[in-house]
Amino acid sequence: MTNLLHQAATTIDSTGFIMAGKNFIEARFGVPGLIAAAILLLSILAILTMKIVKISFDVLRFVVVPSVAITFVATYFLPYSFSYILPVTVAFFSIVLIAKS
């Protein structure tokens, strides 16, 4: 089991930066420093994940749904097909989303 963990660690950290950082933090701050660094890294990872999820839902809510709805309505009034109107509405609502933020 230890060999498997060591092999996984060397595969993930082939350059040795993670182990060097761990050894540096452990030498200067001890185990509480390692715990604090782990909490910090997990917090940063959670914040980044939440930002990505928020951006995804904003794109879905402010670009995809309105674009499809407007394109569907426009196909009844314009002589163009759905596939010709959709890129125009997506571009328009993308600009609206950029201007909104």
Foldseek 3Di string as FASTA:
>chain_A
DVVVVVVVVCVVCVPCPVVVVVVVQCVPPNPVSVVVVVVVVVVVVVVVVVVVVVVVVCCCVQAVVVLQVVLVVVVVVDVDDSVVRSVVSNVVSVVVSVVVD
